[in-house]
Amino acid sequence: DLEASLRVVLDDSDAFDSFKDHVGAAEASLTKLDMVAAVRELRSQPFEAQEDAAHHVASTYLEPGTWENADTEELVGQLVEASAAAIRAVATEHMPSFMLSNASDDAVQRLESGSE
């Protein structure tokens, strides 16, 4: 499962760095990966601290007019959905070639051991 493999990469900073290097000049994909990382950071914070961070992440990555009236819980939900969609898109586009690349042998080994 490409999405599960990408989630493993996201959890390993070295593998994530290798994956971002592999994605390279694909700016849209790099932006999606940055959003995913920002949403993960947001969700790691206590709920009370999420409001300002959620608004910052939303203003950076979501379309204007789609989130401004949402309360914090709804906004975090929108961000989680957007993050999941980004993971699906990036995994579909880049994980097959990443899994086959020689430059990412260590990351691939971590992926394989993590998915067993």
PDB file of N, CA and C in Angstrom:
ATOM      1  N   ASP A   1       0.851  -1.182   0.000  1.00  0.00           N
ATOM      2  CA  ASP A   1       0.000   0.000   0.000  1.00  0.00           C
ATOM      3  C   ASP A   1       0.897   1.246   0.000  1.00  0.00           C
ATOM      4  N   LEU A   2       0.772   2.031  -1.025  1.00  0.00           N
ATOM      5  CA  LEU A   2       1.635   3.204  -1.182  1.00  0.00           C
ATOM      6  C   LEU A   2       1.425   4.226  -0.083  1.00  0.00           C
ATOM      7  N   GLU A   3       0.180   4.421   0.322  1.00  0.00           N
ATOM      8  CA  GLU A   3      -0.093   5.394   1.384  1.00  0.00           C
ATOM      9  C   GLU A   3       0.532   4.955   2.697  1.00  0.00           C
ATOM     10  N   ALA A   4       0.416   3.684   3.030  1.00  0.00           N
ATOM     11  CA  ALA A   4       1.015   3.173   4.263  1.00  0.00           C
ATOM     12  C   ALA A   4       2.533   3.317   4.214  1.00  0.00           C
ATOM     13  N   SER A   5       3.131   3.061   3.056  1.00  0.00           N
ATOM     14  CA  SER A   5       4.576   3.220   2.919  1.00  0.00           C
ATOM     15  C   SER A   5       4.986   4.671   3.122  1.00  0.00           C
ATOM     16  N   LEU A   6       4.209   5.606   2.569  1.00  0.00           N
ATOM     17  CA  LEU A   6       4.539   7.014   2.750  1.00  0.00           C
ATOM     18  C   LEU A   6       4.391   7.412   4.210  1.00  0.00           C
ATOM     19  N   ARG A   7       3.390   6.880   4.903  1.00  0.00           N
ATOM     20  CA  ARG A   7       3.222   7.195   6.323  1.00  0.00           C
ATOM     21  C   ARG A   7       4.440   6.709   7.132  1.00  0.00           C
ATOM     22  N   VAL A   8       5.007   5.562   6.762  1.00  0.00           N
ATOM     23  CA  VAL A   8       6.217   5.080   7.427  1.00  0.00           C
ATOM     24  C   VAL A   8       7.370   6.052   7.169  1.00  0.00           C
ATOM     25  N   VAL A   9       7.486   6.514   5.933  1.00  0.00           N
ATOM     26  CA  VAL A   9       8.531   7.481   5.587  1.00  0.00           C
ATOM     27  C   VAL A   9       8.364   8.748   6.411  1.00  0.00           C
ATOM     28  N   LEU A  10       7.130   9.213   6.575  1.00  0.00           N
ATOM     29  CA  LEU A  10       6.868  10.436   7.326  1.00  0.00           C
ATOM     30  C   LEU A  10       7.288  10.308   8.784  1.00  0.00           C
ATOM     31  N   ASP A  11       7.250   9.102   9.309  1.00  0.00           N
ATOM     32  CA  ASP A  11       7.598   8.867  10.711  1.00  0.00           C
ATOM     33  C   ASP A  11       9.102   8.739  10.946  1.00  0.00           C
ATOM     34  N   ASP A  12       9.887   8.640   9.896  1.00  0.00           N
ATOM     35  CA  ASP A  12      11.332   8.464  10.012  1.00  0.00           C
ATOM     36  C   ASP A  12      12.000   9.673   9.374  1.00  0.00           C
ATOM     37  N   SER A  13      12.661  10.509  10.162  1.00  0.00           N
ATOM     38  CA  SER A  13      13.192  11.768   9.632  1.00  0.00           C
ATOM     39  C   SER A  13      14.223  11.547   8.522  1.00  0.00           C
ATOM     40  N   ASP A  14      15.064  10.526   8.636  1.00  0.00           N
ATOM     41  CA  ASP A  14      16.046  10.271   7.577  1.00  0.00           C
ATOM     42  C   ASP A  14      15.354   9.825   6.284  1.00  0.00           C
ATOM     43  N   ALA A  15      14.384   8.931   6.427  1.00  0.00           N
ATOM     44  CA  ALA A  15      13.641   8.465   5.249  1.00  0.00           C
ATOM     45  C   ALA A  15      12.856   9.617   4.634  1.00  0.00           C
ATOM     46  N   PHE A  16      12.281  10.476   5.482  1.00  0.00           N
ATOM     47  CA  PHE A  16      11.525  11.620   4.981  1.00  0.00           C
ATOM     48  C   PHE A  16      12.437  12.565   4.205  1.00  0.00           C
ATOM     49  N   ASP A  17      13.640  12.823   4.725  1.00  0.00           N
ATOM     50  CA  ASP A  17      14.596  13.668   4.010  1.00  0.00           C
ATOM     51  C   ASP A  17      14.975  13.040   2.666  1.00  0.00           C
ATOM     52  N   SER A  18      15.199  11.736   2.649  1.00  0.00           N
ATOM     53  CA  SER A  18      15.518  11.039   1.397  1.00  0.00           C
ATOM     54  C   SER A  18      14.356  11.142   0.414  1.00  0.00           C
ATOM     55  N   PHE A  19      13.145  11.009   0.931  1.00  0.00           N
ATOM     56  CA  PHE A  19      11.970  11.087   0.066  1.00  0.00           C
ATOM     57  C   PHE A  19      11.820  12.492  -0.514  1.00  0.00           C
ATOM     58  N   LYS A  20      12.026  13.522   0.329  1.00  0.00           N
ATOM     59  CA  LYS A  20      11.931  14.896  -0.176  1.00  0.00           C
ATOM     60  C   LYS A  20      13.005  15.152  -1.234  1.00  0.00           C
ATOM     61  N   ASP A  21      14.197  14.614  -1.037  1.00  0.00           N
ATOM     62  CA  ASP A  21      15.242  14.739  -2.058  1.00  0.00           C
ATOM     63  C   ASP A  21      14.809  14.050  -3.356  1.00  0.00           C
ATOM     64  N   HIS A  22      14.166  12.895  -3.217  1.00  0.00           N
ATOM     65  CA  HIS A  22      13.691  12.148  -4.382  1.00  0.00           C
ATOM     66  C   HIS A  22      12.612  12.934  -5.126  1.00  0.00           C
ATOM     67  N   VAL A  23      11.704  13.555  -4.392  1.00  0.00           N
ATOM     68  CA  VAL A  23      10.624  14.333  -5.005  1.00  0.00           C
ATOM     69  C   VAL A  23      11.225  15.517  -5.760  1.00  0.00           C
ATOM     70  N   GLY A  24      12.292  16.085  -5.197  1.00  0.00           N
ATOM     71  CA  GLY A  24      13.083  17.104  -5.878  1.00  0.00           C
ATOM     72  C   GLY A  24      12.322  18.337  -6.300  1.00  0.00           C
ATOM     73  N   ALA A  25      12.271  18.564  -7.584  1.00  0.00           N
ATOM     74  CA  ALA A  25      11.731  19.812  -8.126  1.00  0.00           C
ATOM     75  C   ALA A  25      10.218  19.816  -8.280  1.00  0.00           C
ATOM     76  N   ALA A  26       9.552  18.802  -7.825  1.00  0.00           N
ATOM     77  CA  ALA A  26       8.090  18.768  -7.931  1.00  0.00           C
ATOM     78  C   ALA A  26       7.501  19.648  -6.824  1.00  0.00           C
ATOM     79  N   GLU A  27       7.442  20.947  -7.094  1.00  0.00           N
ATOM     80  CA  GLU A  27       7.049  21.931  -6.077  1.00  0.00           C
ATOM     81  C   GLU A  27       5.695  21.632  -5.449  1.00  0.00           C
ATOM     82  N   ALA A  28       4.730  21.227  -6.250  1.00  0.00           N
ATOM     83  CA  ALA A  28       3.391  20.955  -5.708  1.00  0.00           C
ATOM     84  C   ALA A  28       3.458  19.819  -4.685  1.00  0.00           C
ATOM     85  N   SER A  29       4.242  18.808  -4.985  1.00  0.00           N
ATOM     86  CA  SER A  29       4.375  17.682  -4.054  1.00  0.00           C
ATOM     87  C   SER A  29       5.131  18.091  -2.794  1.00  0.00           C
ATOM     88  N   LEU A  30       6.163  18.912  -2.953  1.00  0.00           N
ATOM     89  CA  LEU A  30       6.892  19.386  -1.776  1.00  0.00           C
ATOM     90  C   LEU A  30       5.978  20.225  -0.880  1.00  0.00           C
ATOM     91  N   THR A  31       5.139  21.047  -1.481  1.00  0.00           N
ATOM     92  CA  THR A  31       4.183  21.844  -0.703  1.00  0.00           C
ATOM     93  C   THR A  31       3.221  20.927   0.050  1.00  0.00           C
ATOM     94  N   LYS A  32       2.763  19.880  -0.616  1.00  0.00           N
ATOM     95  CA  LYS A  32       1.862  18.925   0.049  1.00  0.00           C
ATOM     96  C   LYS A  32       2.570  18.239   1.216  1.00  0.00           C
ATOM     97  N   LEU A  33       3.825  17.872   1.025  1.00  0.00           N
ATOM     98  CA  LEU A  33       4.574  17.242   2.111  1.00  0.00           C
ATOM     99  C   LEU A  33       4.772  18.207   3.277  1.00  0.00           C
ATOM    100  N   ASP A  34       5.027  19.465   2.968  1.00  0.00           N
ATOM    101  CA  ASP A  34       5.163  20.469   4.027  1.00  0.00           C
ATOM    102  C   ASP A  34       3.849  20.614   4.800  1.00  0.00           C
ATOM    103  N   MET A  35       2.726  20.591   4.079  1.00  0.00           N
ATOM    104  CA  MET A  35       1.430  20.682   4.742  1.00  0.00           C
ATOM    105  C   MET A  35       1.200  19.472   5.649  1.00  0.00           C
ATOM    106  N   VAL A  36       1.522  18.294   5.152  1.00  0.00           N
ATOM    107  CA  VAL A  36       1.351  17.081   5.953  1.00  0.00           C
ATOM    108  C   VAL A  36       2.171  17.186   7.239  1.00  0.00           C
ATOM    109  N   ALA A  37       3.415  17.644   7.115  1.00  0.00           N
ATOM    110  CA  ALA A  37       4.276  17.803   8.297  1.00  0.00           C
ATOM    111  C   ALA A  37       3.682  18.838   9.251  1.00  0.00           C
ATOM    112  N   ALA A  38       3.149  19.935   8.720  1.00  0.00           N
ATOM    113  CA  ALA A  38       2.553  20.980   9.566  1.00  0.00           C
ATOM    114  C   ALA A  38       1.314  20.464  10.291  1.00  0.00           C
ATOM    115  N   VAL A  39       0.498  19.677   9.614  1.00  0.00           N
ATOM    116  CA  VAL A  39      -0.701  19.115  10.242  1.00  0.00           C
ATOM    117  C   VAL A  39      -0.307  18.103  11.317  1.00  0.00           C
ATOM    118  N   ARG A  40       0.701  17.308  11.058  1.00  0.00           N
ATOM    119  CA  ARG A  40       1.180  16.359  12.083  1.00  0.00           C
ATOM    120  C   ARG A  40       1.668  17.107  13.313  1.00  0.00           C
ATOM    121  N   GLU A  41       2.411  18.182  13.110  1.00  0.00           N
ATOM    122  CA  GLU A  41       2.891  18.997  14.233  1.00  0.00           C
ATOM    123  C   GLU A  41       1.711  19.600  14.990  1.00  0.00           C
ATOM    124  N   LEU A  42       0.751  20.113  14.269  1.00  0.00           N
ATOM    125  CA  LEU A  42      -0.444  20.693  14.875  1.00  0.00           C
ATOM    126  C   LEU A  42      -1.166  19.670  15.753  1.00  0.00           C
ATOM    127  N   ARG A  43      -1.350  18.477  15.233  1.00  0.00           N
ATOM    128  CA  ARG A  43      -2.086  17.441  15.967  1.00  0.00           C
ATOM    129  C   ARG A  43      -1.319  16.937  17.182  1.00  0.00           C
ATOM    130  N   SER A  44      -0.007  17.173  17.223  1.00  0.00           N
ATOM    131  CA  SER A  44       0.775  16.733  18.374  1.00  0.00           C
ATOM    132  C   SER A  44       0.642  17.697  19.555  1.00  0.00           C
ATOM    133  N   GLN A  45       0.074  18.863  19.310  1.00  0.00           N
ATOM    134  CA  GLN A  45      -0.092  19.869  20.363  1.00  0.00           C
ATOM    135  C   GLN A  45      -1.373  19.597  21.154  1.00  0.00           C
ATOM    136  N   PRO A  46      -1.407  20.047  22.417  1.00  0.00           N
ATOM    137  CA  PRO A  46      -2.656  19.934  23.180  1.00  0.00           C
ATOM    138  C   PRO A  46      -3.750  20.737  22.482  1.00  0.00           C
ATOM    139  N   PHE A  47      -4.991  20.295  22.610  1.00  0.00           N
ATOM    140  CA  PHE A  47      -6.100  20.941  21.906  1.00  0.00           C
ATOM    141  C   PHE A  47      -6.158  22.441  22.188  1.00  0.00           C
ATOM    142  N   GLU A  48      -5.877  22.836  23.413  1.00  0.00           N
ATOM    143  CA  GLU A  48      -5.959  24.245  23.789  1.00  0.00           C
ATOM    144  C   GLU A  48      -4.985  25.107  22.988  1.00  0.00           C
ATOM    145  N   ALA A  49      -3.892  24.519  22.550  1.00  0.00           N
ATOM    146  CA  ALA A  49      -2.868  25.264  21.816  1.00  0.00           C
ATOM    147  C   ALA A  49      -3.060  25.204  20.301  1.00  0.00           C
ATOM    148  N   GLN A  50      -4.061  24.480  19.855  1.00  0.00           N
ATOM    149  CA  GLN A  50      -4.206  24.240  18.424  1.00  0.00           C
ATOM    150  C   GLN A  50      -4.843  25.388  17.649  1.00  0.00           C
ATOM    151  N   GLU A  51      -5.596  26.262  18.308  1.00  0.00           N
ATOM    152  CA  GLU A  51      -6.360  27.269  17.565  1.00  0.00           C
ATOM    153  C   GLU A  51      -5.467  28.158  16.700  1.00  0.00           C
ATOM    154  N   ASP A  52      -4.468  28.805  17.300  1.00  0.00           N
ATOM    155  CA  ASP A  52      -3.599  29.691  16.523  1.00  0.00           C
ATOM    156  C   ASP A  52      -2.833  28.917  15.454  1.00  0.00           C
ATOM    157  N   ALA A  53      -2.324  27.760  15.829  1.00  0.00           N
ATOM    158  CA  ALA A  53      -1.568  26.956  14.863  1.00  0.00           C
ATOM    159  C   ALA A  53      -2.464  26.497  13.715  1.00  0.00           C
ATOM    160  N   ALA A  54      -3.691  26.110  14.021  1.00  0.00           N
ATOM    161  CA  ALA A  54      -4.626  25.658  12.982  1.00  0.00           C
ATOM    162  C   ALA A  54      -4.915  26.784  11.993  1.00  0.00           C
ATOM    163  N   HIS A  55      -5.113  27.984  12.509  1.00  0.00           N
ATOM    164  CA  HIS A  55      -5.366  29.119  11.612  1.00  0.00           C
ATOM    165  C   HIS A  55      -4.144  29.421  10.742  1.00  0.00           C
ATOM    166  N   HIS A  56      -2.968  29.316  11.322  1.00  0.00           N
ATOM    167  CA  HIS A  56      -1.755  29.554  10.539  1.00  0.00           C
ATOM    168  C   HIS A  56      -1.615  28.502   9.434  1.00  0.00           C
ATOM    169  N   VAL A  57      -1.768  27.238   9.784  1.00  0.00           N
ATOM    170  CA  VAL A  57      -1.628  26.167   8.796  1.00  0.00           C
ATOM    171  C   VAL A  57      -2.704  26.318   7.711  1.00  0.00           C
ATOM    172  N   ALA A  58      -3.925  26.615   8.128  1.00  0.00           N
ATOM    173  CA  ALA A  58      -5.012  26.769   7.156  1.00  0.00           C
ATOM    174  C   ALA A  58      -4.747  27.945   6.215  1.00  0.00           C
ATOM    175  N   SER A  59      -4.298  29.064   6.770  1.00  0.00           N
ATOM    176  CA  SER A  59      -4.055  30.233   5.917  1.00  0.00           C
ATOM    177  C   SER A  59      -2.911  29.991   4.945  1.00  0.00           C
ATOM    178  N   THR A  60      -2.009  29.099   5.311  1.00  0.00           N
ATOM    179  CA  THR A  60      -0.872  28.788   4.451  1.00  0.00           C
ATOM    180  C   THR A  60      -1.240  27.792   3.362  1.00  0.00           C
ATOM    181  N   TYR A  61      -2.070  26.787   3.676  1.00  0.00           N
ATOM    182  CA  TYR A  61      -2.264  25.668   2.759  1.00  0.00           C
ATOM    183  C   TYR A  61      -3.673  25.482   2.208  1.00  0.00           C
ATOM    184  N   LEU A  62      -4.692  26.023   2.842  1.00  0.00           N
ATOM    185  CA  LEU A  62      -6.057  25.821   2.345  1.00  0.00           C
ATOM    186  C   LEU A  62      -6.499  27.011   1.503  1.00  0.00           C
ATOM    187  N   GLU A  63      -7.461  26.759   0.633  1.00  0.00           N
ATOM    188  CA  GLU A  63      -8.001  27.814  -0.217  1.00  0.00           C
ATOM    189  C   GLU A  63      -8.743  28.836   0.629  1.00  0.00           C
ATOM    190  N   PRO A  64      -8.551  30.120   0.340  1.00  0.00           N
ATOM    191  CA  PRO A  64      -9.307  31.158   1.061  1.00  0.00           C
ATOM    192  C   PRO A  64     -10.810  30.938   0.880  1.00  0.00           C
ATOM    193  N   GLY A  65     -11.550  31.229   1.927  1.00  0.00           N
ATOM    194  CA  GLY A  65     -12.997  31.091   1.881  1.00  0.00           C
ATOM    195  C   GLY A  65     -13.515  29.719   2.257  1.00  0.00           C
ATOM    196  N   THR A  66     -12.616  28.762   2.488  1.00  0.00           N
ATOM    197  CA  THR A  66     -13.061  27.400   2.801  1.00  0.00           C
ATOM    198  C   THR A  66     -12.956  27.061   4.275  1.00  0.00           C
ATOM    199  N   TRP A  67     -12.335  27.936   5.066  1.00  0.00           N
ATOM    200  CA  TRP A  67     -12.052  27.552   6.452  1.00  0.00           C
ATOM    201  C   TRP A  67     -12.254  28.668   7.465  1.00  0.00           C
ATOM    202  N   GLU A  68     -12.408  29.894   7.052  1.00  0.00           N
ATOM    203  CA  GLU A  68     -12.371  31.034   7.955  1.00  0.00           C
ATOM    204  C   GLU A  68     -13.455  31.013   9.041  1.00  0.00           C
ATOM    205  N   ASN A  69     -14.607  30.429   8.760  1.00  0.00           N
ATOM    206  CA  ASN A  69     -15.707  30.429   9.730  1.00  0.00           C
ATOM    207  C   ASN A  69     -15.774  29.151  10.571  1.00  0.00           C
ATOM    208  N   ALA A  70     -14.815  28.271  10.396  1.00  0.00           N
ATOM    209  CA  ALA A  70     -14.823  27.003  11.127  1.00  0.00           C
ATOM    210  C   ALA A  70     -14.289  27.199  12.540  1.00  0.00           C
ATOM    211  N   ASP A  71     -14.880  26.460  13.490  1.00  0.00           N
ATOM    212  CA  ASP A  71     -14.285  26.480  14.828  1.00  0.00           C
ATOM    213  C   ASP A  71     -13.034  25.597  14.797  1.00  0.00           C
ATOM    214  N   THR A  72     -12.283  25.593  15.878  1.00  0.00           N
ATOM    215  CA  THR A  72     -10.993  24.901  15.889  1.00  0.00           C
ATOM    216  C   THR A  72     -11.138  23.423  15.560  1.00  0.00           C
ATOM    217  N   GLU A  73     -12.122  22.762  16.149  1.00  0.00           N
ATOM    218  CA  GLU A  73     -12.301  21.331  15.904  1.00  0.00           C
ATOM    219  C   GLU A  73     -12.612  21.058  14.430  1.00  0.00           C
ATOM    220  N   GLU A  74     -13.496  21.862  13.838  1.00  0.00           N
ATOM    221  CA  GLU A  74     -13.818  21.696  12.416  1.00  0.00           C
ATOM    222  C   GLU A  74     -12.600  21.984  11.543  1.00  0.00           C
ATOM    223  N   LEU A  75     -11.856  23.008  11.913  1.00  0.00           N
ATOM    224  CA  LEU A  75     -10.685  23.391  11.144  1.00  0.00           C
ATOM    225  C   LEU A  75      -9.618  22.298  11.176  1.00  0.00           C
ATOM    226  N   VAL A  76      -9.377  21.738  12.344  1.00  0.00           N
ATOM    227  CA  VAL A  76      -8.417  20.637  12.442  1.00  0.00           C
ATOM    228  C   VAL A  76      -8.905  19.461  11.590  1.00  0.00           C
ATOM    229  N   GLY A  77     -10.203  19.201  11.608  1.00  0.00           N
ATOM    230  CA  GLY A  77     -10.768  18.140  10.767  1.00  0.00           C
ATOM    231  C   GLY A  77     -10.539  18.395   9.289  1.00  0.00           C
ATOM    232  N   GLN A  78     -10.737  19.644   8.860  1.00  0.00           N
ATOM    233  CA  GLN A  78     -10.481  20.002   7.454  1.00  0.00           C
ATOM    234  C   GLN A  78      -9.008  19.798   7.101  1.00  0.00           C
ATOM    235  N   LEU A  79      -8.141  20.192   8.023  1.00  0.00           N
ATOM    236  CA  LEU A  79      -6.702  20.041   7.783  1.00  0.00           C
ATOM    237  C   LEU A  79      -6.297  18.572   7.716  1.00  0.00           C
ATOM    238  N   VAL A  80      -6.881  17.743   8.572  1.00  0.00           N
ATOM    239  CA  VAL A  80      -6.590  16.309   8.552  1.00  0.00           C
ATOM    240  C   VAL A  80      -7.047  15.705   7.224  1.00  0.00           C
ATOM    241  N   GLU A  81      -8.237  16.097   6.761  1.00  0.00           N
ATOM    242  CA  GLU A  81      -8.729  15.605   5.465  1.00  0.00           C
ATOM    243  C   GLU A  81      -7.821  16.059   4.323  1.00  0.00           C
ATOM    244  N   ALA A  82      -7.402  17.314   4.346  1.00  0.00           N
ATOM    245  CA  ALA A  82      -6.506  17.821   3.311  1.00  0.00           C
ATOM    246  C   ALA A  82      -5.164  17.098   3.355  1.00  0.00           C
ATOM    247  N   SER A  83      -4.686  16.802   4.555  1.00  0.00           N
ATOM    248  CA  SER A  83      -3.433  16.080   4.719  1.00  0.00           C
ATOM    249  C   SER A  83      -3.548  14.659   4.157  1.00  0.00           C
ATOM    250  N   ALA A  84      -4.653  13.992   4.441  1.00  0.00           N
ATOM    251  CA  ALA A  84      -4.869  12.634   3.920  1.00  0.00           C
ATOM    252  C   ALA A  84      -4.917  12.650   2.391  1.00  0.00           C
ATOM    253  N   ALA A  85      -5.579  13.657   1.823  1.00  0.00           N
ATOM    254  CA  ALA A  85      -5.639  13.773   0.362  1.00  0.00           C
ATOM    255  C   ALA A  85      -4.243  14.023  -0.205  1.00  0.00           C
ATOM    256  N   ALA A  86      -3.447  14.837   0.485  1.00  0.00           N
ATOM    257  CA  ALA A  86      -2.079  15.108   0.037  1.00  0.00           C
ATOM    258  C   ALA A  86      -1.236  13.840   0.086  1.00  0.00           C
ATOM    259  N   ILE A  87      -1.393  13.059   1.143  1.00  0.00           N
ATOM    260  CA  ILE A  87      -0.652  11.796   1.256  1.00  0.00           C
ATOM    261  C   ILE A  87      -1.023  10.872   0.103  1.00  0.00           C
ATOM    262  N   ARG A  88      -2.326  10.762  -0.190  1.00  0.00           N
ATOM    263  CA  ARG A  88      -2.755   9.908  -1.311  1.00  0.00           C
ATOM    264  C   ARG A  88      -2.119  10.368  -2.621  1.00  0.00           C
ATOM    265  N   ALA A  89      -2.172  11.674  -2.876  1.00  0.00           N
ATOM    266  CA  ALA A  89      -1.653  12.205  -4.144  1.00  0.00           C
ATOM    267  C   ALA A  89      -0.147  12.011  -4.263  1.00  0.00           C
ATOM    268  N   VAL A  90       0.585  12.345  -3.211  1.00  0.00           N
ATOM    269  CA  VAL A  90       2.048  12.238  -3.262  1.00  0.00           C
ATOM    270  C   VAL A  90       2.469  10.765  -3.312  1.00  0.00           C
ATOM    271  N   ALA A  91       1.810   9.922  -2.557  1.00  0.00           N
ATOM    272  CA  ALA A  91       2.153   8.497  -2.562  1.00  0.00           C
ATOM    273  C   ALA A  91       1.950   7.895  -3.946  1.00  0.00           C
ATOM    274  N   THR A  92       0.826   8.214  -4.574  1.00  0.00           N
ATOM    275  CA  THR A  92       0.535   7.677  -5.899  1.00  0.00           C
ATOM    276  C   THR A  92       1.560   8.145  -6.923  1.00  0.00           C
ATOM    277  N   GLU A  93       1.952   9.401  -6.819  1.00  0.00           N
ATOM    278  CA  GLU A  93       2.860   9.972  -7.808  1.00  0.00           C
ATOM    279  C   GLU A  93       4.318   9.571  -7.596  1.00  0.00           C
ATOM    280  N   HIS A  94       4.766   9.506  -6.347  1.00  0.00           N
ATOM    281  CA  HIS A  94       6.214   9.391  -6.101  1.00  0.00           C
ATOM    282  C   HIS A  94       6.681   8.107  -5.411  1.00  0.00           C
ATOM    283  N   MET A  95       5.830   7.418  -4.674  1.00  0.00           N
ATOM    284  CA  MET A  95       6.317   6.249  -3.932  1.00  0.00           C
ATOM    285  C   MET A  95       6.805   5.106  -4.823  1.00  0.00           C
ATOM    286  N   PRO A  96       6.148   4.801  -5.955  1.00  0.00           N
ATOM    287  CA  PRO A  96       6.676   3.680  -6.757  1.00  0.00           C
ATOM    288  C   PRO A  96       8.127   3.904  -7.182  1.00  0.00           C
ATOM    289  N   SER A  97       8.448   5.096  -7.685  1.00  0.00           N
ATOM    290  CA  SER A  97       9.825   5.341  -8.124  1.00  0.00           C
ATOM    291  C   SER A  97      10.765   5.462  -6.931  1.00  0.00           C
ATOM    292  N   PHE A  98      10.292   5.981  -5.806  1.00  0.00           N
ATOM    293  CA  PHE A  98      11.121   6.069  -4.613  1.00  0.00           C
ATOM    294  C   PHE A  98      11.501   4.681  -4.116  1.00  0.00           C
ATOM    295  N   MET A  99      10.536   3.779  -4.127  1.00  0.00           N
ATOM    296  CA  MET A  99      10.791   2.420  -3.649  1.00  0.00           C
ATOM    297  C   MET A  99      11.818   1.699  -4.535  1.00  0.00           C
ATOM    298  N   LEU A 100      11.919   2.105  -5.786  1.00  0.00           N
ATOM    299  CA  LEU A 100      12.842   1.457  -6.714  1.00  0.00           C
ATOM    300  C   LEU A 100      14.191   2.162  -6.829  1.00  0.00           C
ATOM    301  N   SER A 101      14.304   3.360  -6.262  1.00  0.00           N
ATOM    302  CA  SER A 101      15.522   4.142  -6.468  1.00  0.00           C
ATOM    303  C   SER A 101      16.685   3.612  -5.634  1.00  0.00           C
ATOM    304  N   ASN A 102      17.865   3.631  -6.228  1.00  0.00           N
ATOM    305  CA  ASN A 102      19.076   3.210  -5.527  1.00  0.00           C
ATOM    306  C   ASN A 102      19.455   4.196  -4.437  1.00  0.00           C
ATOM    307  N   ALA A 103      19.124   5.455  -4.616  1.00  0.00           N
ATOM    308  CA  ALA A 103      19.505   6.488  -3.652  1.00  0.00           C
ATOM    309  C   ALA A 103      18.793   6.313  -2.323  1.00  0.00           C
ATOM    310  N   SER A 104      17.738   5.545  -2.291  1.00  0.00           N
ATOM    311  CA  SER A 104      16.956   5.422  -1.067  1.00  0.00           C
ATOM    312  C   SER A 104      16.995   4.011  -0.477  1.00  0.00           C
ATOM    313  N   ASP A 105      18.062   3.270  -0.726  1.00  0.00           N
ATOM    314  CA  ASP A 105      18.140   1.889  -0.235  1.00  0.00           C
ATOM    315  C   ASP A 105      17.902   1.778   1.268  1.00  0.00           C
ATOM    316  N   ASP A 106      18.514   2.659   2.056  1.00  0.00           N
ATOM    317  CA  ASP A 106      18.320   2.601   3.507  1.00  0.00           C
ATOM    318  C   ASP A 106      16.860   2.846   3.866  1.00  0.00           C
ATOM    319  N   ALA A 107      16.253   3.835   3.233  1.00  0.00           N
ATOM    320  CA  ALA A 107      14.855   4.138   3.516  1.00  0.00           C
ATOM    321  C   ALA A 107      13.966   2.985   3.099  1.00  0.00           C
ATOM    322  N   VAL A 108      14.255   2.372   1.973  1.00  0.00           N
ATOM    323  CA  VAL A 108      13.463   1.237   1.509  1.00  0.00           C
ATOM    324  C   VAL A 108      13.585   0.077   2.488  1.00  0.00           C
ATOM    325  N   GLN A 109      14.787  -0.160   2.990  1.00  0.00           N
ATOM    326  CA  GLN A 109      14.960  -1.234   3.973  1.00  0.00           C
ATOM    327  C   GLN A 109      14.126  -0.949   5.228  1.00  0.00           C
ATOM    328  N   ARG A 110      14.110   0.320   5.678  1.00  0.00           N
ATOM    329  CA  ARG A 110      13.300   0.680   6.834  1.00  0.00           C
ATOM    330  C   ARG A 110      11.814   0.483   6.525  1.00  0.00           C
ATOM    331  N   LEU A 111      11.415   0.842   5.306  1.00  0.00           N
ATOM    332  CA  LEU A 111      10.015   0.663   4.918  1.00  0.00           C
ATOM    333  C   LEU A 111       9.642  -0.811   4.935  1.00  0.00           C
ATOM    334  N   GLU A 112      10.495  -1.634   4.353  1.00  0.00           N
ATOM    335  CA  GLU A 112      10.199  -3.055   4.294  1.00  0.00           C
ATOM    336  C   GLU A 112      10.149  -3.682   5.677  1.00  0.00           C
ATOM    337  N   SER A 113      11.051  -3.300   6.555  1.00  0.00           N
ATOM    338  CA  SER A 113      11.040  -3.869   7.908  1.00  0.00           C
ATOM    339  C   SER A 113       9.864  -3.323   8.712  1.00  0.00           C
ATOM    340  N   GLY A 114       9.438  -2.112   8.423  1.00  0.00           N
ATOM    341  CA  GLY A 114       8.308  -1.517   9.131  1.00  0.00           C
ATOM    342  C   GLY A 114       6.976  -2.042   8.670  1.00  0.00           C
ATOM    343  N   SER A 115       6.913  -2.585   7.467  1.00  0.00           N
ATOM    344  CA  SER A 115       5.625  -3.035   6.949  1.00  0.00           C
ATOM    345  C   SER A 115       5.400  -4.521   7.135  1.00  0.00           C
ATOM    346  N   GLU A 116       6.393  -5.207   7.703  1.00  0.00           N
ATOM    347  CA  GLU A 116       6.238  -6.634   7.944  1.00  0.00           C
ATOM    348  C   GLU A 116       5.512  -6.890   9.243  1.00  0.00           C
TER     349      GLU A 116
END
